[in-house]
Amino acid sequence: MHLWLAILLIVVALLAGIALGFFIARKYMMNYMKKNPPINEKMLRVMMMQMGMNPSQKKINQMMKAMQGQQDK
């Protein structure tokens, strides 16, 4: 019976480690993305100009705010 108990404890510890590692990695990546957004105003301006738009600063600010709102969810 002690062998089954040891196997059960190993399996439980493995599952707990996987779950804990997942949540720690998720929290780390969320903080990293918040501090280092993948796109900035300059990149957004270039993308809009490539699409044939003439972006105003107001439009760029609106798009940046919308993207940050999506990221916060």
C-alpha atoms as a PDB file:
ATOM      1  CA  MET A   1       0.000   0.000   0.000  1.00  0.00           C
ATOM      2  CA  HIS A   2       2.914   2.358   0.587  1.00  0.00           C
ATOM      3  CA  LEU A   3       3.912   2.140  -3.088  1.00  0.00           C
ATOM      4  CA  TRP A   4       0.499   3.402  -4.215  1.00  0.00           C
ATOM      5  CA  LEU A   5       0.681   6.247  -1.734  1.00  0.00           C
ATOM      6  CA  ALA A   6       4.104   7.266  -3.037  1.00  0.00           C
ATOM      7  CA  ILE A   7       2.900   7.152  -6.654  1.00  0.00           C
ATOM      8  CA  LEU A   8      -0.193   9.178  -5.748  1.00  0.00           C
ATOM      9  CA  LEU A   9       1.893  11.818  -3.984  1.00  0.00           C
ATOM     10  CA  ILE A  10       4.252  12.090  -6.955  1.00  0.00           C
ATOM     11  CA  VAL A  11       1.349  12.534  -9.370  1.00  0.00           C
ATOM     12  CA  VAL A  12      -0.319  15.143  -7.134  1.00  0.00           C
ATOM     13  CA  ALA A  13       2.957  17.052  -6.723  1.00  0.00           C
ATOM     14  CA  LEU A  14       3.530  16.974 -10.493  1.00  0.00           C
ATOM     15  CA  LEU A  15       0.041  18.305 -11.240  1.00  0.00           C
ATOM     16  CA  ALA A  16       0.385  21.017  -8.593  1.00  0.00           C
ATOM     17  CA  GLY A  17       3.763  22.046 -10.033  1.00  0.00           C
ATOM     18  CA  ILE A  18       2.375  22.255 -13.549  1.00  0.00           C
ATOM     19  CA  ALA A  19      -0.598  24.351 -12.418  1.00  0.00           C
ATOM     20  CA  LEU A  20       1.563  26.658 -10.305  1.00  0.00           C
ATOM     21  CA  GLY A  21       4.094  27.075 -13.112  1.00  0.00           C
ATOM     22  CA  PHE A  22       1.333  27.938 -15.577  1.00  0.00           C
ATOM     23  CA  PHE A  23      -0.109  30.680 -13.377  1.00  0.00           C
ATOM     24  CA  ILE A  24       3.288  32.153 -12.552  1.00  0.00           C
ATOM     25  CA  ALA A  25       4.272  32.227 -16.235  1.00  0.00           C
ATOM     26  CA  ARG A  26       0.907  33.771 -17.177  1.00  0.00           C
ATOM     27  CA  LYS A  27       1.263  36.530 -14.569  1.00  0.00           C
ATOM     28  CA  TYR A  28       4.853  37.225 -15.656  1.00  0.00           C
ATOM     29  CA  MET A  29       3.868  37.538 -19.332  1.00  0.00           C
ATOM     30  CA  MET A  30       0.911  39.798 -18.553  1.00  0.00           C
ATOM     31  CA  ASN A  31       3.170  42.149 -16.583  1.00  0.00           C
ATOM     32  CA  TYR A  32       5.816  42.048 -19.332  1.00  0.00           C
ATOM     33  CA  MET A  33       3.284  42.894 -22.048  1.00  0.00           C
ATOM     34  CA  LYS A  34       1.885  45.742 -19.954  1.00  0.00           C
ATOM     35  CA  LYS A  35       5.352  47.251 -19.450  1.00  0.00           C
ATOM     36  CA  ASN A  36       6.531  46.569 -23.029  1.00  0.00           C
ATOM     37  CA  PRO A  37       3.585  46.861 -25.403  1.00  0.00           C
ATOM     38  CA  PRO A  38       4.100  45.108 -28.718  1.00  0.00           C
ATOM     39  CA  ILE A  39       3.143  48.179 -30.750  1.00  0.00           C
ATOM     40  CA  ASN A  40       3.815  51.872 -30.253  1.00  0.00           C
ATOM     41  CA  GLU A  41       2.571  55.086 -31.866  1.00  0.00           C
ATOM     42  CA  LYS A  42       5.341  55.181 -34.452  1.00  0.00           C
ATOM     43  CA  MET A  43       4.597  51.638 -35.618  1.00  0.00           C
ATOM     44  CA  LEU A  44       0.871  52.396 -35.725  1.00  0.00           C
ATOM     45  CA  ARG A  45       1.481  55.522 -37.820  1.00  0.00           C
ATOM     46  CA  VAL A  46       3.585  53.542 -40.319  1.00  0.00           C
ATOM     47  CA  MET A  47       0.935  50.814 -40.577  1.00  0.00           C
ATOM     48  CA  MET A  48      -1.811  53.352 -41.229  1.00  0.00           C
ATOM     49  CA  MET A  49       0.270  55.104 -43.877  1.00  0.00           C
ATOM     50  CA  GLN A  50       0.913  51.754 -45.584  1.00  0.00           C
ATOM     51  CA  MET A  51      -2.848  51.198 -45.707  1.00  0.00           C
ATOM     52  CA  GLY A  52      -3.241  54.503 -47.520  1.00  0.00           C
ATOM     53  CA  MET A  53      -4.542  56.513 -44.567  1.00  0.00           C
ATOM     54  CA  ASN A  54      -3.224  59.880 -43.508  1.00  0.00           C
ATOM     55  CA  PRO A  55      -3.286  59.449 -39.727  1.00  0.00           C
ATOM     56  CA  SER A  56      -3.894  62.374 -37.426  1.00  0.00           C
ATOM     57  CA  GLN A  57      -2.534  62.384 -33.888  1.00  0.00           C
ATOM     58  CA  LYS A  58      -6.097  62.207 -32.559  1.00  0.00           C
ATOM     59  CA  LYS A  59      -6.821  59.027 -34.543  1.00  0.00           C
ATOM     60  CA  ILE A  60      -3.548  57.427 -33.402  1.00  0.00           C
ATOM     61  CA  ASN A  61      -4.332  58.274 -29.762  1.00  0.00           C
ATOM     62  CA  GLN A  62      -7.801  56.728 -30.132  1.00  0.00           C
ATOM     63  CA  MET A  63      -6.377  53.522 -31.592  1.00  0.00           C
ATOM     64  CA  MET A  64      -3.671  53.278 -28.913  1.00  0.00           C
ATOM     65  CA  LYS A  65      -6.277  53.757 -26.178  1.00  0.00           C
ATOM     66  CA  ALA A  66      -8.507  51.093 -27.746  1.00  0.00           C
ATOM     67  CA  MET A  67      -5.613  48.627 -27.928  1.00  0.00           C
ATOM     68  CA  GLN A  68      -4.645  49.291 -24.316  1.00  0.00           C
ATOM     69  CA  GLY A  69      -8.262  48.763 -23.287  1.00  0.00           C
ATOM     70  CA  GLN A  70      -8.262  45.386 -25.021  1.00  0.00           C
ATOM     71  CA  GLN A  71      -4.984  44.468 -23.340  1.00  0.00           C
ATOM     72  CA  ASP A  72      -6.327  45.304 -19.870  1.00  0.00           C
ATOM     73  CA  LYS A  73      -9.223  42.854 -20.196  1.00  0.00           C
END
